[in-house]
Amino acid sequence: MPKLKIATLLDDKLVKVAAELPASVHRDLIAYAEALASESGQRIDPVKLIAPMLARFMATDRGFAKARRAGHAPGVAEGRDSVLPTD
């Protein structure tokens, strides 16, 4: 099996968010959690994968990184904290 991009889940301060997902995305999220469980041996709640997946997506989005560096991304000008790594 190929190495999964999300390997560990970090404990962090949580903010409650409600979202609706298309059924196909929900099925894929469940399948990803099952693949991760078979790789790590630990059962993972699929909902707990959403935050690290979003963080990874944003961290690897070059356009977003460029906007952050230029100060055009919301939260940058206001000096808010972010879970994304800074370069």
PDB file of N, CA and C in Angstrom:
ATOM      1  N   MET A   1       0.845  -1.179   0.000  1.00  0.00           N
ATOM      2  CA  MET A   1       0.000   0.000   0.000  1.00  0.00           C
ATOM      3  C   MET A   1       0.890   1.241   0.000  1.00  0.00           C
ATOM      4  N   PRO A   2       0.556   2.260  -0.800  1.00  0.00           N
ATOM      5  CA  PRO A   2       1.345   3.497  -0.801  1.00  0.00           C
ATOM      6  C   PRO A   2       1.199   4.229   0.531  1.00  0.00           C
ATOM      7  N   LYS A   3       2.213   5.014   0.859  1.00  0.00           N
ATOM      8  CA  LYS A   3       2.204   5.782   2.104  1.00  0.00           C
ATOM      9  C   LYS A   3       1.137   6.870   2.013  1.00  0.00           C
ATOM     10  N   LEU A   4       0.316   6.969   3.050  1.00  0.00           N
ATOM     11  CA  LEU A   4      -0.743   7.979   3.080  1.00  0.00           C
ATOM     12  C   LEU A   4      -0.158   9.331   3.470  1.00  0.00           C
ATOM     13  N   LYS A   5      -0.734  10.414   2.952  1.00  0.00           N
ATOM     14  CA  LYS A   5      -0.249  11.758   3.251  1.00  0.00           C
ATOM     15  C   LYS A   5      -0.578  12.183   4.674  1.00  0.00           C
ATOM     16  N   ILE A   6      -1.685  11.709   5.211  1.00  0.00           N
ATOM     17  CA  ILE A   6      -2.054  12.006   6.592  1.00  0.00           C
ATOM     18  C   ILE A   6      -1.651  10.787   7.415  1.00  0.00           C
ATOM     19  N   ALA A   7      -0.653  10.946   8.265  1.00  0.00           N
ATOM     20  CA  ALA A   7      -0.155   9.810   9.026  1.00  0.00           C
ATOM     21  C   ALA A   7      -0.498   9.908  10.505  1.00  0.00           C
ATOM     22  N   THR A   8      -0.437  11.102  11.053  1.00  0.00           N
ATOM     23  CA  THR A   8      -0.718  11.273  12.478  1.00  0.00           C
ATOM     24  C   THR A   8      -1.678  12.428  12.669  1.00  0.00           C
ATOM     25  N   LEU A   9      -2.417  12.363  13.744  1.00  0.00           N
ATOM     26  CA  LEU A   9      -3.343  13.436  14.084  1.00  0.00           C
ATOM     27  C   LEU A   9      -2.806  14.144  15.327  1.00  0.00           C
ATOM     28  N   LEU A  10      -2.687  15.461  15.235  1.00  0.00           N
ATOM     29  CA  LEU A  10      -2.185  16.240  16.351  1.00  0.00           C
ATOM     30  C   LEU A  10      -3.327  16.713  17.231  1.00  0.00           C
ATOM     31  N   ASP A  11      -3.090  16.725  18.529  1.00  0.00           N
ATOM     32  CA  ASP A  11      -4.058  17.327  19.440  1.00  0.00           C
ATOM     33  C   ASP A  11      -3.817  18.828  19.412  1.00  0.00           C
ATOM     34  N   ASP A  12      -4.868  19.580  19.199  1.00  0.00           N
ATOM     35  CA  ASP A  12      -4.755  21.023  19.111  1.00  0.00           C
ATOM     36  C   ASP A  12      -6.035  21.623  19.664  1.00  0.00           C
ATOM     37  N   LYS A  13      -6.002  22.916  19.916  1.00  0.00           N
ATOM     38  CA  LYS A  13      -7.211  23.618  20.349  1.00  0.00           C
ATOM     39  C   LYS A  13      -8.248  23.474  19.239  1.00  0.00           C
ATOM     40  N   LEU A  14      -9.455  23.079  19.609  1.00  0.00           N
ATOM     41  CA  LEU A  14     -10.483  22.803  18.609  1.00  0.00           C
ATOM     42  C   LEU A  14     -11.480  23.944  18.494  1.00  0.00           C
ATOM     43  N   VAL A  15     -11.987  24.127  17.301  1.00  0.00           N
ATOM     44  CA  VAL A  15     -13.056  25.062  17.006  1.00  0.00           C
ATOM     45  C   VAL A  15     -14.143  24.252  16.332  1.00  0.00           C
ATOM     46  N   LYS A  16     -15.347  24.310  16.835  1.00  0.00           N
ATOM     47  CA  LYS A  16     -16.449  23.514  16.284  1.00  0.00           C
ATOM     48  C   LYS A  16     -16.930  24.147  14.975  1.00  0.00           C
ATOM     49  N   VAL A  17     -17.053  23.304  13.960  1.00  0.00           N
ATOM     50  CA  VAL A  17     -17.516  23.733  12.639  1.00  0.00           C
ATOM     51  C   VAL A  17     -18.536  22.710  12.157  1.00  0.00           C
ATOM     52  N   ALA A  18     -19.629  23.189  11.616  1.00  0.00           N
ATOM     53  CA  ALA A  18     -20.624  22.296  11.016  1.00  0.00           C
ATOM     54  C   ALA A  18     -20.504  22.413   9.502  1.00  0.00           C
ATOM     55  N   ALA A  19     -20.502  21.279   8.825  1.00  0.00           N
ATOM     56  CA  ALA A  19     -20.371  21.292   7.371  1.00  0.00           C
ATOM     57  C   ALA A  19     -21.188  20.151   6.781  1.00  0.00           C
ATOM     58  N   GLU A  20     -21.611  20.350   5.562  1.00  0.00           N
ATOM     59  CA  GLU A  20     -22.295  19.305   4.815  1.00  0.00           C
ATOM     60  C   GLU A  20     -21.346  18.827   3.723  1.00  0.00           C
ATOM     61  N   LEU A  21     -21.219  17.522   3.603  1.00  0.00           N
ATOM     62  CA  LEU A  21     -20.346  16.930   2.595  1.00  0.00           C
ATOM     63  C   LEU A  21     -21.172  16.155   1.583  1.00  0.00           C
ATOM     64  N   PRO A  22     -20.752  16.169   0.333  1.00  0.00           N
ATOM     65  CA  PRO A  22     -21.406  15.289  -0.635  1.00  0.00           C
ATOM     66  C   PRO A  22     -21.205  13.837  -0.186  1.00  0.00           C
ATOM     67  N   ALA A  23     -22.164  12.988  -0.486  1.00  0.00           N
ATOM     68  CA  ALA A  23     -22.100  11.581  -0.079  1.00  0.00           C
ATOM     69  C   ALA A  23     -20.829  10.912  -0.585  1.00  0.00           C
ATOM     70  N   SER A  24     -20.392  11.244  -1.790  1.00  0.00           N
ATOM     71  CA  SER A  24     -19.180  10.623  -2.344  1.00  0.00           C
ATOM     72  C   SER A  24     -17.945  11.015  -1.532  1.00  0.00           C
ATOM     73  N   VAL A  25     -17.879  12.255  -1.074  1.00  0.00           N
ATOM     74  CA  VAL A  25     -16.749  12.692  -0.249  1.00  0.00           C
ATOM     75  C   VAL A  25     -16.790  11.985   1.097  1.00  0.00           C
ATOM     76  N   HIS A  26     -17.984  11.833   1.662  1.00  0.00           N
ATOM     77  CA  HIS A  26     -18.122  11.139   2.937  1.00  0.00           C
ATOM     78  C   HIS A  26     -17.677   9.681   2.810  1.00  0.00           C
ATOM     79  N   ARG A  27     -18.065   9.032   1.729  1.00  0.00           N
ATOM     80  CA  ARG A  27     -17.643   7.638   1.511  1.00  0.00           C
ATOM     81  C   ARG A  27     -16.119   7.542   1.386  1.00  0.00           C
ATOM     82  N   ASP A  28     -15.533   8.493   0.660  1.00  0.00           N
ATOM     83  CA  ASP A  28     -14.079   8.500   0.503  1.00  0.00           C
ATOM     84  C   ASP A  28     -13.385   8.773   1.836  1.00  0.00           C
ATOM     85  N   LEU A  29     -13.963   9.623   2.656  1.00  0.00           N
ATOM     86  CA  LEU A  29     -13.406   9.915   3.969  1.00  0.00           C
ATOM     87  C   LEU A  29     -13.408   8.658   4.840  1.00  0.00           C
ATOM     88  N   ILE A  30     -14.492   7.909   4.792  1.00  0.00           N
ATOM     89  CA  ILE A  30     -14.584   6.649   5.532  1.00  0.00           C
ATOM     90  C   ILE A  30     -13.552   5.654   5.007  1.00  0.00           C
ATOM     91  N   ALA A  31     -13.423   5.569   3.684  1.00  0.00           N
ATOM     92  CA  ALA A  31     -12.445   4.657   3.085  1.00  0.00           C
ATOM     93  C   ALA A  31     -11.023   5.055   3.477  1.00  0.00           C
ATOM     94  N   TYR A  32     -10.750   6.349   3.530  1.00  0.00           N
ATOM     95  CA  TYR A  32      -9.417   6.823   3.928  1.00  0.00           C
ATOM     96  C   TYR A  32      -9.143   6.433   5.375  1.00  0.00           C
ATOM     97  N   ALA A  33     -10.130   6.618   6.247  1.00  0.00           N
ATOM     98  CA  ALA A  33      -9.972   6.248   7.662  1.00  0.00           C
ATOM     99  C   ALA A  33      -9.707   4.746   7.789  1.00  0.00           C
ATOM    100  N   GLU A  34     -10.377   3.949   6.982  1.00  0.00           N
ATOM    101  CA  GLU A  34     -10.153   2.499   7.006  1.00  0.00           C
ATOM    102  C   GLU A  34      -8.748   2.154   6.521  1.00  0.00           C
ATOM    103  N   ALA A  35      -8.275   2.834   5.476  1.00  0.00           N
ATOM    104  CA  ALA A  35      -6.916   2.598   4.976  1.00  0.00           C
ATOM    105  C   ALA A  35      -5.890   2.998   6.026  1.00  0.00           C
ATOM    106  N   LEU A  36      -6.124   4.107   6.681  1.00  0.00           N
ATOM    107  CA  LEU A  36      -5.223   4.569   7.732  1.00  0.00           C
ATOM    108  C   LEU A  36      -5.217   3.592   8.903  1.00  0.00           C
ATOM    109  N   ALA A  37      -6.388   3.077   9.244  1.00  0.00           N
ATOM    110  CA  ALA A  37      -6.487   2.095  10.335  1.00  0.00           C
ATOM    111  C   ALA A  37      -5.722   0.820   9.994  1.00  0.00           C
ATOM    112  N   SER A  38      -5.804   0.380   8.749  1.00  0.00           N
ATOM    113  CA  SER A  38      -5.081  -0.840   8.373  1.00  0.00           C
ATOM    114  C   SER A  38      -3.579  -0.607   8.352  1.00  0.00           C
ATOM    115  N   GLU A  39      -3.161   0.627   8.073  1.00  0.00           N
ATOM    116  CA  GLU A  39      -1.735   0.964   8.048  1.00  0.00           C
ATOM    117  C   GLU A  39      -1.173   1.159   9.454  1.00  0.00           C
ATOM    118  N   SER A  40      -1.956   1.809  10.320  1.00  0.00           N
ATOM    119  CA  SER A  40      -1.452   2.163  11.653  1.00  0.00           C
ATOM    120  C   SER A  40      -1.903   1.195  12.741  1.00  0.00           C
ATOM    121  N   GLY A  41      -2.954   0.433  12.467  1.00  0.00           N
ATOM    122  CA  GLY A  41      -3.475  -0.477  13.470  1.00  0.00           C
ATOM    123  C   GLY A  41      -4.398   0.183  14.476  1.00  0.00           C
ATOM    124  N   GLN A  42      -4.680   1.462  14.285  1.00  0.00           N
ATOM    125  CA  GLN A  42      -5.574   2.187  15.190  1.00  0.00           C
ATOM    126  C   GLN A  42      -6.795   2.670  14.425  1.00  0.00           C
ATOM    127  N   ARG A  43      -7.949   2.486  15.026  1.00  0.00           N
ATOM    128  CA  ARG A  43      -9.195   2.947  14.411  1.00  0.00           C
ATOM    129  C   ARG A  43      -9.283   4.461  14.558  1.00  0.00           C
ATOM    130  N   ILE A  44      -9.625   5.150  13.481  1.00  0.00           N
ATOM    131  CA  ILE A  44      -9.701   6.614  13.452  1.00  0.00           C
ATOM    132  C   ILE A  44     -11.116   7.027  13.081  1.00  0.00           C
ATOM    133  N   ASP A  45     -11.642   8.024  13.798  1.00  0.00           N
ATOM    134  CA  ASP A  45     -12.931   8.610  13.450  1.00  0.00           C
ATOM    135  C   ASP A  45     -12.736   9.417  12.160  1.00  0.00           C
ATOM    136  N   PRO A  46     -13.454   9.099  11.085  1.00  0.00           N
ATOM    137  CA  PRO A  46     -13.263   9.808   9.819  1.00  0.00           C
ATOM    138  C   PRO A  46     -13.387  11.324   9.941  1.00  0.00           C
ATOM    139  N   VAL A  47     -14.233  11.802  10.834  1.00  0.00           N
ATOM    140  CA  VAL A  47     -14.418  13.254  11.000  1.00  0.00           C
ATOM    141  C   VAL A  47     -13.118  13.917  11.456  1.00  0.00           C
ATOM    142  N   LYS A  48     -12.317  13.202  12.229  1.00  0.00           N
ATOM    143  CA  LYS A  48     -11.061  13.764  12.729  1.00  0.00           C
ATOM    144  C   LYS A  48     -10.010  13.918  11.626  1.00  0.00           C
ATOM    145  N   LEU A  49     -10.273  13.372  10.458  1.00  0.00           N
ATOM    146  CA  LEU A  49      -9.344  13.506   9.339  1.00  0.00           C
ATOM    147  C   LEU A  49      -9.548  14.795   8.555  1.00  0.00           C
ATOM    148  N   ILE A  50     -10.703  15.417   8.704  1.00  0.00           N
ATOM    149  CA  ILE A  50     -11.023  16.587   7.895  1.00  0.00           C
ATOM    150  C   ILE A  50     -10.039  17.727   8.137  1.00  0.00           C
ATOM    151  N   ALA A  51      -9.757  18.056   9.386  1.00  0.00           N
ATOM    152  CA  ALA A  51      -8.857  19.177   9.689  1.00  0.00           C
ATOM    153  C   ALA A  51      -7.447  18.967   9.136  1.00  0.00           C
ATOM    154  N   PRO A  52      -6.803  17.809   9.391  1.00  0.00           N
ATOM    155  CA  PRO A  52      -5.461  17.661   8.828  1.00  0.00           C
ATOM    156  C   PRO A  52      -5.453  17.615   7.305  1.00  0.00           C
ATOM    157  N   MET A  53      -6.531  17.112   6.704  1.00  0.00           N
ATOM    158  CA  MET A  53      -6.600  17.096   5.237  1.00  0.00           C
ATOM    159  C   MET A  53      -6.703  18.520   4.692  1.00  0.00           C
ATOM    160  N   LEU A  54      -7.539  19.332   5.322  1.00  0.00           N
ATOM    161  CA  LEU A  54      -7.657  20.725   4.891  1.00  0.00           C
ATOM    162  C   LEU A  54      -6.355  21.478   5.114  1.00  0.00           C
ATOM    163  N   ALA A  55      -5.724  21.263   6.266  1.00  0.00           N
ATOM    164  CA  ALA A  55      -4.460  21.935   6.560  1.00  0.00           C
ATOM    165  C   ALA A  55      -3.394  21.563   5.532  1.00  0.00           C
ATOM    166  N   ARG A  56      -3.329  20.270   5.196  1.00  0.00           N
ATOM    167  CA  ARG A  56      -2.345  19.830   4.206  1.00  0.00           C
ATOM    168  C   ARG A  56      -2.637  20.434   2.839  1.00  0.00           C
ATOM    169  N   PHE A  57      -3.905  20.461   2.470  1.00  0.00           N
ATOM    170  CA  PHE A  57      -4.287  21.057   1.189  1.00  0.00           C
ATOM    171  C   PHE A  57      -3.846  22.517   1.128  1.00  0.00           C
ATOM    172  N   MET A  58      -4.151  23.282   2.172  1.00  0.00           N
ATOM    173  CA  MET A  58      -3.798  24.699   2.174  1.00  0.00           C
ATOM    174  C   MET A  58      -2.285  24.896   2.231  1.00  0.00           C
ATOM    175  N   ALA A  59      -1.589  24.029   2.960  1.00  0.00           N
ATOM    176  CA  ALA A  59      -0.134  24.142   3.071  1.00  0.00           C
ATOM    177  C   ALA A  59       0.568  23.873   1.743  1.00  0.00           C
ATOM    178  N   THR A  60      -0.060  23.101   0.875  1.00  0.00           N
ATOM    179  CA  THR A  60       0.572  22.759  -0.398  1.00  0.00           C
ATOM    180  C   THR A  60      -0.008  23.542  -1.580  1.00  0.00           C
ATOM    181  N   ASP A  61      -0.910  24.461  -1.320  1.00  0.00           N
ATOM    182  CA  ASP A  61      -1.508  25.273  -2.381  1.00  0.00           C
ATOM    183  C   ASP A  61      -0.603  26.485  -2.640  1.00  0.00           C
ATOM    184  N   ARG A  62       0.085  26.467  -3.747  1.00  0.00           N
ATOM    185  CA  ARG A  62       1.049  27.536  -4.051  1.00  0.00           C
ATOM    186  C   ARG A  62       0.394  28.906  -4.177  1.00  0.00           C
ATOM    187  N   GLY A  63      -0.789  28.955  -4.753  1.00  0.00           N
ATOM    188  CA  GLY A  63      -1.489  30.233  -4.888  1.00  0.00           C
ATOM    189  C   GLY A  63      -1.849  30.817  -3.529  1.00  0.00           C
ATOM    190  N   PHE A  64      -2.286  29.957  -2.624  1.00  0.00           N
ATOM    191  CA  PHE A  64      -2.622  30.410  -1.271  1.00  0.00           C
ATOM    192  C   PHE A  64      -1.366  30.880  -0.545  1.00  0.00           C
ATOM    193  N   ALA A  65      -0.269  30.130  -0.684  1.00  0.00           N
ATOM    194  CA  ALA A  65       0.990  30.520  -0.039  1.00  0.00           C
ATOM    195  C   ALA A  65       1.449  31.880  -0.545  1.00  0.00           C
ATOM    196  N   LYS A  66       1.314  32.099  -1.827  1.00  0.00           N
ATOM    197  CA  LYS A  66       1.715  33.386  -2.416  1.00  0.00           C
ATOM    198  C   LYS A  66       0.834  34.507  -1.870  1.00  0.00           C
ATOM    199  N   ALA A  67      -0.478  34.250  -1.766  1.00  0.00           N
ATOM    200  CA  ALA A  67      -1.389  35.256  -1.228  1.00  0.00           C
ATOM    201  C   ALA A  67      -1.062  35.550   0.237  1.00  0.00           C
ATOM    202  N   ARG A  68      -0.711  34.526   1.008  1.00  0.00           N
ATOM    203  CA  ARG A  68      -0.341  34.731   2.419  1.00  0.00           C
ATOM    204  C   ARG A  68       0.895  35.595   2.528  1.00  0.00           C
ATOM    205  N   ARG A  69       1.910  35.288   1.703  1.00  0.00           N
ATOM    206  CA  ARG A  69       3.155  36.071   1.749  1.00  0.00           C
ATOM    207  C   ARG A  69       2.896  37.518   1.377  1.00  0.00           C
ATOM    208  N   ALA A  70       1.968  37.736   0.445  1.00  0.00           N
ATOM    209  CA  ALA A  70       1.656  39.089   0.000  1.00  0.00           C
ATOM    210  C   ALA A  70       0.693  39.793   0.945  1.00  0.00           C
ATOM    211  N   GLY A  71       0.169  39.053   1.932  1.00  0.00           N
ATOM    212  CA  GLY A  71      -0.754  39.650   2.892  1.00  0.00           C
ATOM    213  C   GLY A  71      -2.176  39.744   2.377  1.00  0.00           C
ATOM    214  N   HIS A  72      -2.510  38.972   1.331  1.00  0.00           N
ATOM    215  CA  HIS A  72      -3.852  39.038   0.747  1.00  0.00           C
ATOM    216  C   HIS A  72      -4.802  37.976   1.282  1.00  0.00           C
ATOM    217  N   ALA A  73      -4.304  37.031   2.047  1.00  0.00           N
ATOM    218  CA  ALA A  73      -5.179  35.988   2.595  1.00  0.00           C
ATOM    219  C   ALA A  73      -5.815  36.499   3.878  1.00  0.00           C
ATOM    220  N   PRO A  74      -7.112  36.276   4.073  1.00  0.00           N
ATOM    221  CA  PRO A  74      -7.771  36.722   5.308  1.00  0.00           C
ATOM    222  C   PRO A  74      -7.056  36.177   6.529  1.00  0.00           C
ATOM    223  N   GLY A  75      -6.941  37.030   7.554  1.00  0.00           N
ATOM    224  CA  GLY A  75      -6.293  36.620   8.787  1.00  0.00           C
ATOM    225  C   GLY A  75      -4.828  37.003   8.834  1.00  0.00           C
ATOM    226  N   VAL A  76      -4.196  37.199   7.679  1.00  0.00           N
ATOM    227  CA  VAL A  76      -2.782  37.539   7.650  1.00  0.00           C
ATOM    228  C   VAL A  76      -2.568  38.966   8.124  1.00  0.00           C
ATOM    229  N   ALA A  77      -3.324  39.887   7.576  1.00  0.00           N
ATOM    230  CA  ALA A  77      -3.158  41.287   7.947  1.00  0.00           C
ATOM    231  C   ALA A  77      -3.531  41.528   9.403  1.00  0.00           C
ATOM    232  N   GLU A  78      -4.505  40.770   9.899  1.00  0.00           N
ATOM    233  CA  GLU A  78      -4.952  40.939  11.282  1.00  0.00           C
ATOM    234  C   GLU A  78      -4.026  40.245  12.265  1.00  0.00           C
ATOM    235  N   GLY A  79      -3.052  39.458  11.781  1.00  0.00           N
ATOM    236  CA  GLY A  79      -2.103  38.783  12.653  1.00  0.00           C
ATOM    237  C   GLY A  79      -2.680  37.578  13.381  1.00  0.00           C
ATOM    238  N   ARG A  80      -3.697  36.965  12.831  1.00  0.00           N
ATOM    239  CA  ARG A  80      -4.294  35.788  13.479  1.00  0.00           C
ATOM    240  C   ARG A  80      -3.383  34.594  13.363  1.00  0.00           C
ATOM    241  N   ASP A  81      -3.499  33.684  14.329  1.00  0.00           N
ATOM    242  CA  ASP A  81      -2.732  32.446  14.301  1.00  0.00           C
ATOM    243  C   ASP A  81      -3.256  31.548  13.200  1.00  0.00           C
ATOM    244  N   SER A  82      -2.394  30.658  12.752  1.00  0.00           N
ATOM    245  CA  SER A  82      -2.767  29.701  11.718  1.00  0.00           C
ATOM    246  C   SER A  82      -2.161  28.357  12.049  1.00  0.00           C
ATOM    247  N   VAL A  83      -2.824  27.278  11.631  1.00  0.00           N
ATOM    248  CA  VAL A  83      -2.273  25.938  11.830  1.00  0.00           C
ATOM    249  C   VAL A  83      -1.310  25.580  10.707  1.00  0.00           C
ATOM    250  N   LEU A  84      -1.204  26.441   9.719  1.00  0.00           N
ATOM    251  CA  LEU A  84      -0.361  26.145   8.583  1.00  0.00           C
ATOM    252  C   LEU A  84       1.069  26.552   8.851  1.00  0.00           C
ATOM    253  N   PRO A  85       2.028  25.773   8.363  1.00  0.00           N
ATOM    254  CA  PRO A  85       3.418  26.149   8.549  1.00  0.00           C
ATOM    255  C   PRO A  85       3.749  27.391   7.743  1.00  0.00           C
ATOM    256  N   THR A  86       4.601  28.219   8.264  1.00  0.00           N
ATOM    257  CA  THR A  86       5.028  29.402   7.529  1.00  0.00           C
ATOM    258  C   THR A  86       6.422  29.160   6.995  1.00  0.00           C
ATOM    259  N   ASP A  87       6.694  29.698   5.821  1.00  0.00           N
ATOM    260  CA  ASP A  87       8.020  29.508   5.194  1.00  0.00           C
ATOM    261  C   ASP A  87       8.931  30.645   5.541  1.00  0.00           C
TER     262      ASP A  87
END
